[in-house]
Amino acid sequence: MLSQTQREVRKGRLTASRVACLMEGDVIKIDRLYREMIGEAEPEDLTNVWAVRLGEATEQLQLDWFEQKNATLVTRRGEVVIHPQISWAACTLDGWYTELACPIECKHTGGREPFDPVIIDRYQPQIQWQMLVTNATQCALSVIMGANQPIVEFIERSNPYIAEMVLRGKQFIDCVTFGRPPVALPAAPAPADTSKIYDMTGNNLWATSARDWLDTKKAHGICEDASKILKAAVPADAKTCRGHGVRVTRDRVGRLSLREEK
């Protein structure tokens, strides 16, 4: 659980765990966060939530395991960081991987959901916010799935996604400052990972289309070459040229169009 010192530093600021509801468009959670930040509601008591307590219990174990497996030192455990320019933006680090200058975020799940994309997408707001606050270009997401040893995935920074987070965060903070109930926006899609490689061998639609493309690729090239030759053969003063089943016409601005003669 957070210490009193951590709570004081986080007070009045949007942290990584708080900002998720703004990106998800969760009306109930946004309203609760608003009332909490204007002093109308107490912070949610998570002491009796098993998943939260389990995550706390395994957090230090994950960080120790990360140190052991990577022969490195995990620093800044539990440090609350405030963005140097955005005073209302903060995050509480689980740990910090010094060699790559990036946060380490630890989670524990039941192991019944796919790691990618479900689990990664779920925690994108939290890890992207940590990258914003710490000015990191990546974040190490360490996840225990069930009773298995942690899976570690390095998530890249998404500046467009972060820009949307800052925009929504600023709107929410303005609502808190001026006492205006916030309006939830539609959920923002998680950043897409465009670095993956997929083997499509078992996809029947892919197989059929790939075969058609390969079979017609050579013919397409011949068709393109013939089109260029036919257009080049059109006299400069011709409006239409026809013969052997094809027709080339010239429009008012001089563009040539090749068609099948019918």
Protein backbone atom coordinates (compact mmCIF):
# COMPACT_ATOMS: atom_id res chain seq x y z
CA MET A 1 0.00 0.00 0.00
CA LEU A 2 1.07 3.62 -0.49
CA SER A 3 2.88 5.33 2.35
CA GLN A 4 1.68 8.64 3.77
CA THR A 5 4.61 10.40 2.05
CA GLN A 6 3.63 8.91 -1.31
CA ARG A 7 0.01 9.96 -0.82
CA GLU A 8 1.02 13.54 -0.06
CA VAL A 9 3.13 13.85 -3.21
CA ARG A 10 0.38 12.29 -5.36
CA LYS A 11 -2.37 14.48 -3.90
CA GLY A 12 -4.12 16.65 -6.50
CA ARG A 13 -2.22 15.05 -9.38
CA LEU A 14 -3.15 12.64 -12.12
CA THR A 15 -1.06 9.51 -11.69
CA ALA A 16 -0.56 6.53 -13.97
CA SER A 17 -3.20 4.44 -12.22
CA ARG A 18 -5.73 7.30 -12.24
CA VAL A 19 -5.45 8.32 -15.88
CA ALA A 20 -6.64 4.98 -17.32
CA CYS A 21 -10.35 5.75 -16.86
CA LEU A 22 -9.99 8.94 -18.93
CA MET A 23 -8.65 6.94 -21.87
CA GLU A 24 -11.20 4.17 -21.43
CA GLY A 25 -14.13 6.61 -21.25
CA ASP A 26 -15.37 4.90 -18.06
CA VAL A 27 -18.08 7.28 -16.84
CA ILE A 28 -18.45 5.73 -13.37
CA LYS A 29 -14.72 5.72 -12.63
CA ILE A 30 -14.25 9.24 -14.01
CA ASP A 31 -17.04 10.55 -11.78
CA ARG A 32 -15.57 8.81 -8.74
CA LEU A 33 -12.10 10.19 -9.47
CA TYR A 34 -13.55 13.68 -9.90
CA ARG A 35 -15.39 13.54 -6.56
CA GLU A 36 -12.29 12.15 -4.88
CA MET A 37 -10.09 14.96 -6.22
CA ILE A 38 -12.52 17.71 -5.19
CA GLY A 39 -12.82 16.22 -1.70
CA GLU A 40 -16.36 14.86 -1.94
CA ALA A 41 -15.30 11.19 -1.75
CA GLU A 42 -12.60 9.21 0.01
CA PRO A 43 -10.07 7.28 -2.07
CA GLU A 44 -11.30 3.78 -2.81
CA ASP A 45 -10.29 1.30 -0.08
CA LEU A 46 -8.42 -1.54 -1.81
CA THR A 47 -7.22 -3.34 1.32
CA ASN A 48 -9.83 -6.09 0.85
CA VAL A 49 -9.34 -6.52 -2.91
CA TRP A 50 -7.44 -9.77 -3.34
CA ALA A 51 -6.06 -9.03 -6.83
CA VAL A 52 -4.57 -5.74 -5.61
CA ARG A 53 -3.04 -7.29 -2.50
CA LEU A 54 -1.62 -10.19 -4.52
CA GLY A 55 -0.02 -7.75 -6.94
CA GLU A 56 1.54 -5.87 -4.03
CA ALA A 57 2.87 -9.10 -2.53
CA THR A 58 4.55 -10.22 -5.77
CA GLU A 59 5.83 -6.81 -6.91
CA GLN A 60 9.14 -6.91 -5.06
CA LEU A 61 9.61 -10.56 -6.05
CA GLN A 62 9.22 -9.60 -9.72
CA LEU A 63 11.73 -6.78 -9.40
CA ASP A 64 14.21 -9.06 -7.62
CA TRP A 65 13.68 -11.67 -10.37
CA PHE A 66 14.27 -9.01 -13.03
CA GLU A 67 17.55 -8.09 -11.35
CA GLN A 68 18.63 -11.72 -11.18
CA LYS A 69 17.72 -12.59 -14.78
CA ASN A 70 19.26 -9.45 -16.27
CA ALA A 71 22.27 -9.21 -13.93
CA THR A 72 21.36 -5.60 -13.24
CA LEU A 73 20.19 -3.34 -10.43
CA VAL A 74 16.59 -2.15 -10.23
CA THR A 75 16.47 1.30 -8.64
CA ARG A 76 13.89 3.96 -7.68
CA ARG A 77 11.49 1.42 -6.17
CA GLY A 78 8.32 3.18 -5.04
CA GLU A 79 9.57 6.64 -6.07
CA VAL A 80 6.87 9.20 -6.88
CA VAL A 81 7.93 11.25 -9.90
CA ILE A 82 6.40 14.58 -10.98
CA HIS A 83 6.62 15.73 -14.59
CA PRO A 84 9.11 18.64 -14.81
CA GLN A 85 6.74 20.85 -16.89
CA ILE A 86 3.28 19.43 -16.16
CA SER A 87 2.88 19.90 -12.42
CA TRP A 88 -0.38 17.91 -12.22
CA ALA A 89 1.12 14.80 -13.88
CA ALA A 90 2.87 12.23 -11.69
CA CYS A 91 3.54 8.51 -11.43
CA THR A 92 4.69 6.05 -8.77
CA LEU A 93 7.40 3.76 -10.11
CA ASP A 94 7.49 0.08 -9.28
CA GLY A 95 11.13 0.15 -10.35
CA TRP A 96 13.61 1.64 -12.81
CA TYR A 97 15.86 -0.19 -15.28
CA THR A 98 18.94 2.04 -15.26
CA GLU A 99 20.68 0.48 -18.28
CA LEU A 100 17.81 1.41 -20.60
CA ALA A 101 16.60 4.39 -18.56
CA CYS A 102 13.03 3.14 -18.41
CA PRO A 103 10.33 2.27 -15.84
CA ILE A 104 9.49 -1.31 -14.88
CA GLU A 105 5.79 -1.91 -14.28
CA CYS A 106 4.80 -5.13 -12.47
CA LYS A 107 1.44 -6.91 -12.78
CA HIS A 108 -0.03 -10.26 -11.70
CA THR A 109 -2.90 -11.77 -13.70
CA GLY A 110 -4.85 -15.01 -13.52
CA GLY A 111 -3.28 -16.34 -16.73
CA ARG A 112 -6.60 -16.93 -18.51
CA GLU A 113 -6.25 -14.02 -20.95
CA PRO A 114 -3.78 -13.65 -23.84
CA PHE A 115 -0.77 -11.55 -22.96
CA ASP A 116 -0.83 -9.83 -26.34
CA PRO A 117 -2.93 -7.87 -27.04
CA VAL A 118 -5.40 -8.07 -24.13
CA ILE A 119 -3.08 -7.60 -21.15
CA ILE A 120 -0.71 -5.22 -22.94
CA ASP A 121 -3.62 -3.05 -24.17
CA ARG A 122 -5.17 -2.97 -20.67
CA TYR A 123 -2.07 -1.41 -19.15
CA GLN A 124 -1.12 0.90 -22.04
CA PRO A 125 -2.52 4.04 -20.32
CA GLN A 126 -0.51 3.34 -17.19
CA ILE A 127 2.79 2.55 -18.88
CA GLN A 128 2.49 5.34 -21.48
CA TRP A 129 1.81 7.81 -18.66
CA GLN A 130 4.93 6.63 -16.85
CA MET A 131 6.95 7.21 -20.02
CA LEU A 132 5.51 10.73 -20.27
CA VAL A 133 6.35 11.65 -16.69
CA THR A 134 9.86 10.13 -16.75
CA ASN A 135 10.62 11.12 -20.37
CA ALA A 136 11.40 7.48 -21.19
CA THR A 137 11.18 6.01 -24.69
CA GLN A 138 10.07 2.57 -23.49
CA CYS A 139 8.69 0.75 -20.46
CA ALA A 140 9.34 -2.80 -19.27
CA LEU A 141 6.01 -4.51 -18.53
CA SER A 142 6.60 -7.52 -16.25
CA VAL A 143 3.59 -9.81 -15.85
CA ILE A 144 3.12 -12.96 -13.78
CA MET A 145 0.42 -15.04 -15.47
CA GLY A 146 -1.01 -17.49 -12.98
CA ALA A 147 1.91 -19.20 -11.25
CA ASN A 148 4.38 -18.86 -14.14
CA GLN A 149 7.56 -16.83 -14.02
CA PRO A 150 7.15 -13.26 -15.28
CA ILE A 151 6.90 -12.39 -18.95
CA VAL A 152 8.71 -9.12 -19.71
CA GLU A 153 7.76 -7.06 -22.76
CA PHE A 154 9.34 -3.72 -23.63
CA ILE A 155 6.58 -1.35 -24.77
CA GLU A 156 7.56 1.53 -27.04
CA ARG A 157 6.47 5.11 -26.39
CA SER A 158 3.57 6.37 -28.51
CA ASN A 159 3.66 10.16 -28.77
CA PRO A 160 0.21 10.49 -30.44
CA TYR A 161 -1.35 8.41 -27.66
CA ILE A 162 0.48 10.41 -24.99
CA ALA A 163 -0.67 13.68 -26.61
CA GLU A 164 -4.28 12.48 -26.30
CA MET A 165 -3.67 11.53 -22.67
CA VAL A 166 -2.30 14.98 -21.86
CA LEU A 167 -5.25 16.63 -23.62
CA ARG A 168 -7.79 14.59 -21.67
CA GLY A 169 -5.82 14.99 -18.47
CA LYS A 170 -5.72 18.78 -18.82
CA GLN A 171 -9.47 18.91 -19.48
CA PHE A 172 -10.11 16.79 -16.39
CA ILE A 173 -7.81 18.86 -14.16
CA ASP A 174 -9.56 22.04 -15.37
CA CYS A 175 -12.86 20.48 -14.30
CA VAL A 176 -11.41 19.75 -10.87
CA THR A 177 -9.97 23.27 -10.58
CA PHE A 178 -13.18 25.05 -11.57
CA GLY A 179 -15.65 22.59 -10.03
CA ARG A 180 -17.21 21.48 -13.30
CA PRO A 181 -18.28 17.83 -13.56
CA PRO A 182 -16.23 16.19 -16.35
CA VAL A 183 -17.72 14.86 -19.57
CA ALA A 184 -16.46 11.41 -20.55
CA LEU A 185 -15.00 11.08 -24.04
CA PRO A 186 -15.14 7.91 -26.18
CA ALA A 187 -12.53 5.28 -25.42
CA ALA A 188 -9.20 5.92 -27.12
CA PRO A 189 -7.74 2.85 -28.85
CA ALA A 190 -4.46 1.55 -27.44
CA PRO A 191 -1.31 2.19 -29.50
CA ALA A 192 -0.83 -0.36 -32.27
CA ASP A 193 2.35 -2.41 -32.32
CA THR A 194 3.57 -2.42 -35.94
CA SER A 195 6.77 -4.38 -35.27
CA LYS A 196 5.28 -7.88 -35.15
CA ILE A 197 5.90 -10.67 -37.67
CA TYR A 198 3.08 -13.14 -38.38
CA ASP A 199 3.19 -16.48 -40.23
CA MET A 200 0.00 -16.59 -42.34
CA THR A 201 0.58 -20.14 -43.63
CA GLY A 202 -2.63 -21.48 -42.06
CA ASN A 203 -4.88 -18.66 -43.32
CA ASN A 204 -6.94 -19.97 -46.29
CA LEU A 205 -7.98 -16.53 -47.54
CA TRP A 206 -4.34 -15.42 -47.49
CA ALA A 207 -3.29 -18.59 -49.34
CA THR A 208 -5.89 -18.13 -52.11
CA SER A 209 -5.13 -14.44 -52.63
CA ALA A 210 -1.37 -15.03 -52.54
CA ARG A 211 -1.68 -17.69 -55.23
CA ASP A 212 -3.83 -15.40 -57.41
CA TRP A 213 -1.35 -12.56 -56.99
CA LEU A 214 1.61 -14.73 -57.93
CA ASP A 215 -0.24 -16.20 -60.92
CA THR A 216 -1.22 -12.78 -62.31
CA LYS A 217 1.88 -10.80 -61.34
CA LYS A 218 3.70 -11.52 -64.61
CA ALA A 219 0.59 -10.88 -66.69
CA HIS A 220 0.03 -7.57 -64.88
CA GLY A 221 3.53 -6.46 -65.77
CA ILE A 222 2.97 -7.35 -69.42
CA CYS A 223 -0.34 -5.45 -69.36
CA GLU A 224 1.31 -2.33 -67.93
CA ASP A 225 4.06 -2.40 -70.57
CA ALA A 226 1.56 -2.88 -73.40
CA SER A 227 -0.53 0.05 -72.10
CA LYS A 228 2.49 2.35 -72.20
CA ILE A 229 3.37 1.25 -75.74
CA LEU A 230 -0.18 1.74 -77.03
CA LYS A 231 -0.43 5.23 -75.54
CA ALA A 232 2.98 6.19 -76.92
CA ALA A 233 1.82 5.13 -80.40
CA VAL A 234 -1.11 7.60 -80.40
CA PRO A 235 -0.46 10.49 -82.84
CA ALA A 236 -0.32 13.96 -81.27
CA ASP A 237 -3.41 15.17 -83.19
CA ALA A 238 -5.54 12.07 -82.51
CA LYS A 239 -8.71 12.21 -80.42
CA THR A 240 -9.29 8.45 -80.69
CA CYS A 241 -7.27 5.47 -81.89
CA ARG A 242 -8.90 2.05 -82.22
CA GLY A 243 -8.10 -1.41 -83.52
CA HIS A 244 -7.57 -5.05 -82.53
CA GLY A 245 -10.15 -4.84 -79.75
CA VAL A 246 -8.82 -1.78 -77.87
CA ARG A 247 -9.46 1.97 -77.99
CA VAL A 248 -7.35 4.91 -76.72
CA THR A 249 -9.10 8.27 -76.29
CA ARG A 250 -7.72 11.71 -75.44
CA ASP A 251 -9.69 14.01 -73.09
CA ARG A 252 -9.79 17.83 -73.21
CA VAL A 253 -6.67 18.24 -71.10
CA GLY A 254 -4.67 15.73 -73.13
CA ARG A 255 -4.88 12.67 -70.85
CA LEU A 256 -5.00 9.29 -72.64
CA SER A 257 -7.37 6.54 -71.54
CA LEU A 258 -7.07 2.92 -72.69
CA ARG A 259 -10.24 0.81 -72.86
CA GLU A 260 -11.37 -2.52 -74.26
CA GLU A 261 -13.31 -1.98 -77.50
CA LYS A 262 -16.86 -3.35 -77.28
